[in-house]
N, C-alpha and C. Protein backbone atom coordinates (compact mmCIF):
# COMPACT_ATOMS: atom_id res chain seq x y z
N UNK A 1 0.90 -1.21 -0.02
CA UNK A 1 0.00 -0.01 0.03
C UNK A 1 0.90 1.26 -0.04
N UNK A 2 0.68 2.11 -1.00
CA UNK A 2 1.55 3.33 -1.06
C UNK A 2 0.96 4.40 -0.15
N UNK A 3 1.75 5.44 0.06
CA UNK A 3 1.34 6.51 1.05
C UNK A 3 0.11 7.28 0.51
N UNK A 4 -0.25 7.18 -0.74
CA UNK A 4 -1.37 7.99 -1.25
C UNK A 4 -2.65 7.05 -1.29
N UNK A 5 -2.59 5.81 -1.08
CA UNK A 5 -3.75 4.94 -1.16
C UNK A 5 -4.91 5.30 -0.15
N UNK A 6 -4.53 5.70 1.01
CA UNK A 6 -5.51 6.07 1.97
C UNK A 6 -6.31 7.34 1.52
N UNK A 7 -5.60 8.30 0.96
CA UNK A 7 -6.26 9.52 0.37
C UNK A 7 -7.17 9.11 -0.71
N UNK A 8 -6.70 8.36 -1.63
CA UNK A 8 -7.51 7.91 -2.85
C UNK A 8 -8.73 7.19 -2.42
N UNK A 9 -8.63 6.24 -1.46
CA UNK A 9 -9.74 5.53 -0.95
C UNK A 9 -10.77 6.44 -0.30
N UNK A 10 -10.29 7.39 0.44
CA UNK A 10 -11.28 8.36 1.11
C UNK A 10 -11.97 9.18 0.01
N UNK A 11 -11.22 9.70 -0.96
CA UNK A 11 -11.82 10.51 -1.97
C UNK A 11 -12.87 9.73 -2.81
N UNK A 12 -12.70 8.44 -2.94
CA UNK A 12 -13.69 7.73 -3.68
C UNK A 12 -14.97 7.58 -2.95
N UNK A 13 -14.97 7.77 -1.65
CA UNK A 13 -16.22 7.72 -0.82
C UNK A 13 -16.91 9.06 -0.85
N UNK A 14 -16.31 10.06 -1.33
CA UNK A 14 -16.91 11.44 -1.35
C UNK A 14 -17.40 11.73 -2.74
N UNK A 15 -18.07 12.91 -2.88
CA UNK A 15 -18.60 13.32 -4.15
C UNK A 15 -17.70 14.35 -4.79
N UNK A 16 -16.36 14.39 -4.34
CA UNK A 16 -15.37 15.28 -4.90
C UNK A 16 -15.11 14.99 -6.32
N UNK A 17 -14.91 16.05 -7.06
CA UNK A 17 -14.53 15.89 -8.45
C UNK A 17 -13.02 15.99 -8.59
N UNK A 18 -12.44 15.15 -9.44
CA UNK A 18 -10.92 15.16 -9.49
C UNK A 18 -10.36 16.53 -9.82
N UNK A 19 -11.00 17.30 -10.75
CA UNK A 19 -10.48 18.60 -11.12
C UNK A 19 -10.51 19.60 -9.92
N UNK A 20 -11.53 19.53 -9.12
CA UNK A 20 -11.65 20.43 -7.98
C UNK A 20 -10.65 20.05 -6.92
N UNK A 21 -10.44 18.68 -6.70
CA UNK A 21 -9.42 18.37 -5.72
C UNK A 21 -8.06 18.66 -6.15
N UNK A 22 -7.72 18.55 -7.45
CA UNK A 22 -6.40 18.95 -7.93
C UNK A 22 -6.25 20.47 -7.82
N UNK A 23 -7.32 21.20 -8.12
CA UNK A 23 -7.16 22.69 -7.93
C UNK A 23 -6.81 23.14 -6.51
N UNK A 24 -7.56 22.44 -5.57
CA UNK A 24 -7.32 22.85 -4.13
C UNK A 24 -5.91 22.39 -3.78
N UNK A 25 -5.50 21.23 -4.24
CA UNK A 25 -4.17 20.76 -3.85
C UNK A 25 -3.12 21.68 -4.41
N UNK A 26 -3.24 22.15 -5.64
CA UNK A 26 -2.34 23.13 -6.27
C UNK A 26 -2.28 24.38 -5.49
N UNK A 27 -3.47 24.84 -4.99
CA UNK A 27 -3.47 26.12 -4.27
C UNK A 27 -2.76 25.94 -2.93
N UNK A 28 -3.02 24.86 -2.24
CA UNK A 28 -2.39 24.62 -0.96
C UNK A 28 -0.92 24.24 -1.03
N UNK A 29 -0.52 23.50 -1.96
CA UNK A 29 0.92 23.02 -2.07
C UNK A 29 1.40 23.29 -3.38
N UNK A 30 2.08 24.47 -3.62
CA UNK A 30 2.64 24.75 -4.96
C UNK A 30 3.88 23.83 -5.16
N UNK A 31 4.30 23.73 -6.40
CA UNK A 31 5.47 22.91 -6.72
C UNK A 31 6.69 23.50 -6.04
N UNK A 32 7.50 22.62 -5.46
CA UNK A 32 8.74 23.00 -4.67
C UNK A 32 9.64 23.80 -5.60
N UNK A 33 10.21 24.88 -4.94
CA UNK A 33 11.19 25.68 -5.67
C UNK A 33 10.62 26.56 -6.75
N UNK A 34 9.40 26.53 -7.04
CA UNK A 34 8.81 27.33 -8.14
C UNK A 34 7.81 28.34 -7.56
N UNK A 35 8.24 29.56 -7.66
CA UNK A 35 7.37 30.59 -7.14
C UNK A 35 7.04 31.52 -8.18
N UNK A 36 5.83 31.61 -8.66
CA UNK A 36 5.44 32.45 -9.78
C UNK A 36 4.55 33.60 -9.18
N UNK A 37 4.91 34.82 -9.42
CA UNK A 37 4.11 35.95 -8.99
C UNK A 37 3.14 36.35 -10.13
N UNK A 38 1.96 36.45 -9.79
CA UNK A 38 0.89 36.96 -10.79
C UNK A 38 0.73 38.44 -10.49
N UNK A 39 1.18 39.28 -11.43
CA UNK A 39 1.14 40.71 -11.28
C UNK A 39 -0.20 41.17 -11.68
N UNK A 40 -1.21 40.99 -10.75
CA UNK A 40 -2.48 41.53 -10.98
C UNK A 40 -2.53 42.93 -10.44
N UNK A 41 -3.65 43.67 -10.87
CA UNK A 41 -3.80 45.04 -10.33
C UNK A 41 -3.77 45.07 -8.79
N UNK A 42 -4.46 44.09 -8.15
CA UNK A 42 -4.55 44.04 -6.72
C UNK A 42 -3.12 43.78 -6.08
N UNK A 43 -2.30 42.89 -6.67
CA UNK A 43 -1.04 42.62 -6.17
C UNK A 43 -0.12 43.84 -6.23
N UNK A 44 -0.18 44.56 -7.41
CA UNK A 44 0.62 45.70 -7.60
C UNK A 44 0.27 46.84 -6.52
N UNK A 45 -1.04 47.09 -6.40
CA UNK A 45 -1.50 48.06 -5.40
C UNK A 45 -1.08 47.68 -3.98
N UNK A 46 -1.26 46.45 -3.67
CA UNK A 46 -0.82 45.95 -2.30
C UNK A 46 0.66 46.17 -2.08
N UNK A 47 1.46 45.79 -3.02
CA UNK A 47 2.90 45.78 -2.93
C UNK A 47 3.38 47.25 -2.90
N UNK A 48 2.76 48.22 -3.70
CA UNK A 48 3.16 49.59 -3.65
C UNK A 48 2.78 50.16 -2.36
N UNK A 49 1.65 49.81 -1.73
CA UNK A 49 1.25 50.30 -0.31
C UNK A 49 2.29 49.86 0.63
N UNK A 50 2.84 48.66 0.53
CA UNK A 50 3.88 48.24 1.46
C UNK A 50 5.13 49.09 1.30
N UNK A 51 5.49 49.47 0.07
CA UNK A 51 6.63 50.36 -0.13
C UNK A 51 6.39 51.78 0.44
N UNK A 52 5.17 52.30 0.25
CA UNK A 52 4.82 53.65 0.85
C UNK A 52 4.91 53.62 2.30
N UNK A 53 4.36 52.56 2.96
CA UNK A 53 4.31 52.43 4.38
C UNK A 53 5.80 52.32 4.90
N UNK A 54 6.58 51.42 4.35
CA UNK A 54 7.92 51.27 4.89
C UNK A 54 8.79 52.49 4.62
N UNK A 55 8.55 53.16 3.48
CA UNK A 55 9.36 54.43 3.14
C UNK A 55 9.02 55.53 4.13
N UNK A 56 7.79 55.67 4.48
CA UNK A 56 7.38 56.74 5.38
C UNK A 56 7.90 56.47 6.80
N UNK A 57 7.76 55.27 7.29
CA UNK A 57 8.23 54.89 8.67
C UNK A 57 9.71 55.06 8.72
N UNK A 58 10.48 54.48 7.65
CA UNK A 58 11.89 54.49 7.65
C UNK A 58 12.44 55.89 7.74
N UNK A 59 11.81 56.87 7.03
CA UNK A 59 12.32 58.18 7.00
C UNK A 59 11.82 59.14 8.15
N UNK A 60 11.00 58.61 9.02
CA UNK A 60 10.51 59.47 10.16
C UNK A 60 11.44 59.34 11.34
N UNK A 61 11.40 60.22 12.24
CA UNK A 61 12.23 60.25 13.38
C UNK A 61 11.57 59.69 14.65
N UNK A 62 12.24 59.11 15.51
CA UNK A 62 11.74 58.60 16.74
C UNK A 62 11.58 57.09 16.84
N UNK A 63 10.99 56.58 17.82
CA UNK A 63 10.82 55.12 17.91
C UNK A 63 9.75 54.67 16.85
N UNK A 64 9.82 53.45 16.53
CA UNK A 64 8.91 52.92 15.52
C UNK A 64 7.47 53.10 15.85
N UNK A 65 7.12 52.78 17.09
CA UNK A 65 5.69 52.93 17.48
C UNK A 65 5.23 54.36 17.43
N UNK A 66 6.12 55.36 17.79
CA UNK A 66 5.70 56.75 17.71
C UNK A 66 5.64 57.16 16.36
N UNK A 67 6.47 56.66 15.50
CA UNK A 67 6.50 57.04 14.01
C UNK A 67 5.14 56.68 13.41
N UNK A 68 4.70 55.39 13.70
CA UNK A 68 3.54 54.87 13.20
C UNK A 68 2.29 55.69 13.74
N UNK A 69 2.27 55.89 14.99
CA UNK A 69 1.16 56.60 15.63
C UNK A 69 1.01 58.02 15.07
N UNK A 70 2.14 58.69 14.98
CA UNK A 70 2.11 60.02 14.39
C UNK A 70 1.50 60.04 12.94
N UNK A 71 2.03 59.10 12.21
CA UNK A 71 1.53 59.03 10.78
C UNK A 71 0.15 58.78 10.62
N UNK A 72 -0.42 57.79 11.38
CA UNK A 72 -1.81 57.33 11.20
C UNK A 72 -2.77 58.46 11.62
N UNK A 73 -2.32 59.37 12.39
CA UNK A 73 -3.18 60.49 12.89
C UNK A 73 -3.10 61.66 11.91
N UNK A 74 -2.22 61.57 10.88
CA UNK A 74 -2.03 62.75 9.99
C UNK A 74 -3.01 62.67 8.79
N UNK A 75 -3.23 63.79 8.12
CA UNK A 75 -4.06 63.88 6.93
C UNK A 75 -3.45 63.09 5.80
N UNK A 76 -2.10 63.09 5.75
CA UNK A 76 -1.34 62.45 4.68
C UNK A 76 -1.63 60.93 4.75
N UNK A 77 -1.74 60.31 5.91
CA UNK A 77 -2.02 58.93 5.96
C UNK A 77 -3.45 58.65 5.43
N UNK A 78 -4.38 59.49 5.75
CA UNK A 78 -5.69 59.33 5.27
C UNK A 78 -5.78 59.32 3.76
N UNK A 79 -5.10 60.28 3.19
CA UNK A 79 -5.05 60.43 1.72
C UNK A 79 -4.36 59.18 1.12
N UNK A 80 -3.19 58.70 1.64
CA UNK A 80 -2.58 57.55 1.13
C UNK A 80 -3.39 56.29 1.37
N UNK A 81 -4.00 56.13 2.45
CA UNK A 81 -4.84 55.05 2.71
C UNK A 81 -5.97 54.89 1.60
N UNK A 82 -6.69 55.99 1.47
CA UNK A 82 -7.78 56.01 0.53
C UNK A 82 -7.33 55.80 -0.96
N UNK A 83 -6.15 56.19 -1.22
CA UNK A 83 -5.52 56.04 -2.59
C UNK A 83 -5.23 54.62 -2.87
N UNK A 84 -4.78 53.88 -1.82
CA UNK A 84 -4.36 52.51 -2.05
C UNK A 84 -5.34 51.46 -1.73
N UNK A 85 -6.39 51.81 -0.98
CA UNK A 85 -7.44 50.88 -0.61
C UNK A 85 -8.71 51.11 -1.43
N UNK A 86 -8.64 50.78 -2.68
CA UNK A 86 -9.77 51.08 -3.59
C UNK A 86 -10.71 49.88 -3.68
N UNK A 87 -11.96 50.17 -4.04
CA UNK A 87 -12.97 49.17 -4.17
C UNK A 87 -13.00 48.72 -5.67
N UNK A 88 -12.98 47.45 -5.91
CA UNK A 88 -13.01 46.97 -7.23
C UNK A 88 -14.41 46.59 -7.64
N UNK A 89 -14.93 47.20 -8.67
CA UNK A 89 -16.31 46.88 -9.18
C UNK A 89 -16.30 46.69 -10.65
N UNK A 90 -17.24 45.86 -11.08
CA UNK A 90 -17.39 45.63 -12.54
C UNK A 90 -18.40 46.58 -13.04
N UNK A 91 -18.03 47.41 -14.06
CA UNK A 91 -18.99 48.34 -14.68
C UNK A 91 -19.89 47.53 -15.65
N UNK A 92 -21.23 47.53 -15.43
CA UNK A 92 -22.04 46.75 -16.27
C UNK A 92 -22.22 47.30 -17.71
N UNK A 93 -21.98 48.62 -17.84
CA UNK A 93 -22.08 49.19 -19.18
C UNK A 93 -20.87 48.89 -20.04
N UNK A 94 -19.70 49.14 -19.51
CA UNK A 94 -18.44 48.88 -20.22
C UNK A 94 -18.00 47.45 -20.08
N UNK A 95 -18.49 46.77 -19.11
CA UNK A 95 -18.10 45.38 -18.82
C UNK A 95 -16.56 45.27 -18.52
N UNK A 96 -16.13 46.31 -17.90
CA UNK A 96 -14.67 46.26 -17.42
C UNK A 96 -14.60 46.49 -15.93
N UNK A 97 -13.53 46.12 -15.33
CA UNK A 97 -13.35 46.30 -13.94
C UNK A 97 -12.84 47.72 -13.73
N UNK A 98 -13.47 48.39 -12.76
CA UNK A 98 -13.10 49.75 -12.38
C UNK A 98 -12.82 49.82 -10.86
N UNK A 99 -11.98 50.80 -10.46
CA UNK A 99 -11.64 51.03 -9.08
C UNK A 99 -12.27 52.32 -8.64
N UNK A 100 -12.83 52.25 -7.44
CA UNK A 100 -13.44 53.45 -6.86
C UNK A 100 -12.87 53.75 -5.48
N UNK A 101 -12.67 54.99 -5.15
CA UNK A 101 -12.18 55.39 -3.81
C UNK A 101 -13.34 55.47 -2.94
N UNK A 102 -13.27 55.15 -1.63
CA UNK A 102 -14.32 55.23 -0.68
C UNK A 102 -13.77 55.57 0.67
N UNK A 103 -14.34 56.58 1.35
CA UNK A 103 -13.87 56.92 2.64
C UNK A 103 -14.38 56.01 3.75
N UNK A 104 -15.26 55.16 3.46
CA UNK A 104 -15.81 54.28 4.48
C UNK A 104 -14.78 53.24 4.96
N UNK A 105 -13.93 52.81 4.08
CA UNK A 105 -12.93 51.90 4.43
C UNK A 105 -12.07 52.40 5.52
N UNK A 106 -11.71 53.80 5.42
CA UNK A 106 -10.81 54.43 6.40
C UNK A 106 -11.55 54.68 7.67
N UNK A 107 -12.81 55.18 7.61
CA UNK A 107 -13.50 55.61 8.86
C UNK A 107 -14.12 54.37 9.56
N UNK A 108 -14.21 53.20 8.94
CA UNK A 108 -14.77 52.00 9.56
C UNK A 108 -13.79 51.40 10.55
N UNK A 109 -12.44 51.82 10.42
CA UNK A 109 -11.42 51.23 11.27
C UNK A 109 -11.05 52.23 12.44
N UNK A 110 -10.72 51.73 13.53
CA UNK A 110 -10.37 52.58 14.67
C UNK A 110 -8.79 52.84 14.37
N UNK A 111 -8.38 53.78 15.25
CA UNK A 111 -6.92 54.20 15.14
C UNK A 111 -6.02 52.94 15.49
N UNK A 112 -6.50 52.16 16.39
CA UNK A 112 -5.71 51.00 16.89
C UNK A 112 -5.68 49.96 15.71
N UNK A 113 -6.71 49.77 14.96
CA UNK A 113 -6.77 48.87 13.85
C UNK A 113 -5.77 49.38 12.76
N UNK A 114 -5.76 50.69 12.49
CA UNK A 114 -4.82 51.26 11.54
C UNK A 114 -3.39 51.07 11.95
N UNK A 115 -3.19 51.39 13.26
CA UNK A 115 -1.90 51.12 13.79
C UNK A 115 -1.38 49.74 13.67
N UNK A 116 -2.25 48.71 14.06
CA UNK A 116 -1.88 47.36 13.95
C UNK A 116 -1.61 46.88 12.44
N UNK A 117 -2.42 47.45 11.59
CA UNK A 117 -2.20 47.06 10.13
C UNK A 117 -0.86 47.68 9.62
N UNK A 118 -0.54 48.89 9.94
CA UNK A 118 0.67 49.51 9.46
C UNK A 118 1.86 48.80 10.15
N UNK A 119 1.72 48.49 11.40
CA UNK A 119 2.85 47.80 12.08
C UNK A 119 3.13 46.41 11.45
N UNK A 120 2.04 45.77 11.08
CA UNK A 120 2.22 44.41 10.46
C UNK A 120 2.90 44.56 9.11
N UNK A 121 2.57 45.61 8.35
CA UNK A 121 3.16 45.77 6.99
C UNK A 121 4.66 46.12 7.26
N UNK A 122 4.97 46.88 8.15
CA UNK A 122 6.38 47.20 8.48
C UNK A 122 7.13 45.96 8.92
N UNK A 123 6.55 45.16 9.83
CA UNK A 123 7.27 43.96 10.30
C UNK A 123 7.43 42.89 9.27
N UNK A 124 6.50 42.73 8.34
CA UNK A 124 6.53 41.63 7.47
C UNK A 124 7.34 41.97 6.18
N UNK A 125 7.71 43.13 6.00
CA UNK A 125 8.48 43.51 4.73
C UNK A 125 9.93 43.81 4.97
N UNK A 126 10.63 42.81 5.48
CA UNK A 126 12.07 43.04 5.77
C UNK A 126 12.89 43.32 4.48
N UNK A 127 12.44 42.68 3.37
CA UNK A 127 13.29 42.93 2.09
C UNK A 127 13.15 44.45 1.72
N UNK A 128 11.93 45.00 1.79
CA UNK A 128 11.81 46.42 1.57
C UNK A 128 12.65 47.22 2.46
N UNK A 129 12.65 46.97 3.69
CA UNK A 129 13.48 47.67 4.68
C UNK A 129 15.04 47.57 4.35
N UNK A 130 15.37 46.42 3.83
CA UNK A 130 16.89 46.20 3.50
C UNK A 130 17.13 47.05 2.28
N UNK A 131 16.17 47.10 1.29
CA UNK A 131 16.35 47.97 0.10
C UNK A 131 16.51 49.44 0.58
N UNK A 132 15.71 49.85 1.52
CA UNK A 132 15.74 51.25 2.00
C UNK A 132 17.05 51.49 2.73
N UNK A 133 17.61 50.51 3.40
CA UNK A 133 18.93 50.68 4.02
C UNK A 133 20.02 50.85 2.95
N UNK A 134 19.94 50.17 1.80
CA UNK A 134 20.97 50.21 0.77
C UNK A 134 20.83 51.60 0.17
N UNK A 135 19.60 52.16 -0.04
CA UNK A 135 19.43 53.38 -0.70
C UNK A 135 19.42 54.59 0.19
N UNK A 136 19.72 54.37 1.46
CA UNK A 136 19.73 55.36 2.53
C UNK A 136 18.34 56.14 2.58
N UNK A 137 17.30 55.35 2.57
CA UNK A 137 15.94 55.98 2.75
C UNK A 137 15.26 56.36 1.47
N UNK A 138 15.94 56.34 0.38
CA UNK A 138 15.22 56.72 -0.95
C UNK A 138 14.40 55.54 -1.35
N UNK A 139 13.27 55.83 -2.09
CA UNK A 139 12.45 54.80 -2.60
C UNK A 139 13.22 53.95 -3.59
N UNK A 140 13.31 52.59 -3.35
CA UNK A 140 14.01 51.76 -4.24
C UNK A 140 13.50 51.72 -5.70
N UNK A 141 14.19 52.44 -6.52
CA UNK A 141 13.69 52.63 -7.90
C UNK A 141 13.62 51.39 -8.77
N UNK A 142 14.57 50.49 -8.58
CA UNK A 142 14.39 49.22 -9.37
C UNK A 142 13.23 48.36 -9.10
N UNK A 143 12.91 48.25 -7.81
CA UNK A 143 11.70 47.48 -7.43
C UNK A 143 10.45 48.22 -7.88
N UNK A 144 10.33 49.50 -7.71
CA UNK A 144 9.20 50.25 -8.21
C UNK A 144 9.10 50.10 -9.65
N UNK A 145 10.17 50.17 -10.40
CA UNK A 145 10.14 50.08 -11.84
C UNK A 145 9.58 48.73 -12.29
N UNK A 146 9.95 47.70 -11.66
CA UNK A 146 9.32 46.35 -11.94
C UNK A 146 7.86 46.41 -11.80
N UNK A 147 7.35 46.95 -10.64
CA UNK A 147 5.93 46.94 -10.47
C UNK A 147 5.21 47.89 -11.47
N UNK A 148 5.80 49.01 -11.78
CA UNK A 148 5.16 49.93 -12.78
C UNK A 148 5.19 49.28 -14.21
N UNK A 149 6.29 48.55 -14.49
CA UNK A 149 6.33 47.94 -15.76
C UNK A 149 5.15 46.92 -15.98
N UNK A 150 4.90 46.10 -14.93
CA UNK A 150 3.84 45.20 -15.00
C UNK A 150 2.49 45.84 -15.06
N UNK A 151 2.41 47.02 -14.38
CA UNK A 151 1.10 47.73 -14.38
C UNK A 151 0.82 48.26 -15.80
N UNK A 152 1.86 48.68 -16.54
CA UNK A 152 1.64 49.18 -17.93
C UNK A 152 1.37 48.02 -18.93
N UNK A 153 1.94 46.83 -18.65
CA UNK A 153 1.74 45.76 -19.63
C UNK A 153 0.49 44.98 -19.37
N UNK A 154 -0.14 45.16 -18.21
CA UNK A 154 -1.51 44.46 -17.97
C UNK A 154 -2.59 45.10 -18.55
């Protein structure tokens, strides 16, 4: 009995379709060593937001927590947040996807939620912080150029 026989026997007792099972397995366990990035609009906006957050915090003065708290209370943060957190809707007339700005996303969150979200972006993007160290706080042009190139080609 091979190590996969138990799984196959179980799947035979369910109403699962092979294509659906294969799709979920591919989503859960990608091929080893192969990492393919899909440069969708959403991915580019999310990644650019991470660059903006890290750039702002890196170039501010004081302790990290104070830098974040000062920024989330500023008007600049509100403008940036609304610029990068757009609502994606399909226009029925043109049958194309369009993005809309909405202030509800900003005002629905408390300052503590904004703080935690920004702190998480800062903590999880060590590569961006390393790039900022190399460029002495300037926006890493090569990384941004890659994102912008994919934005133009999509």
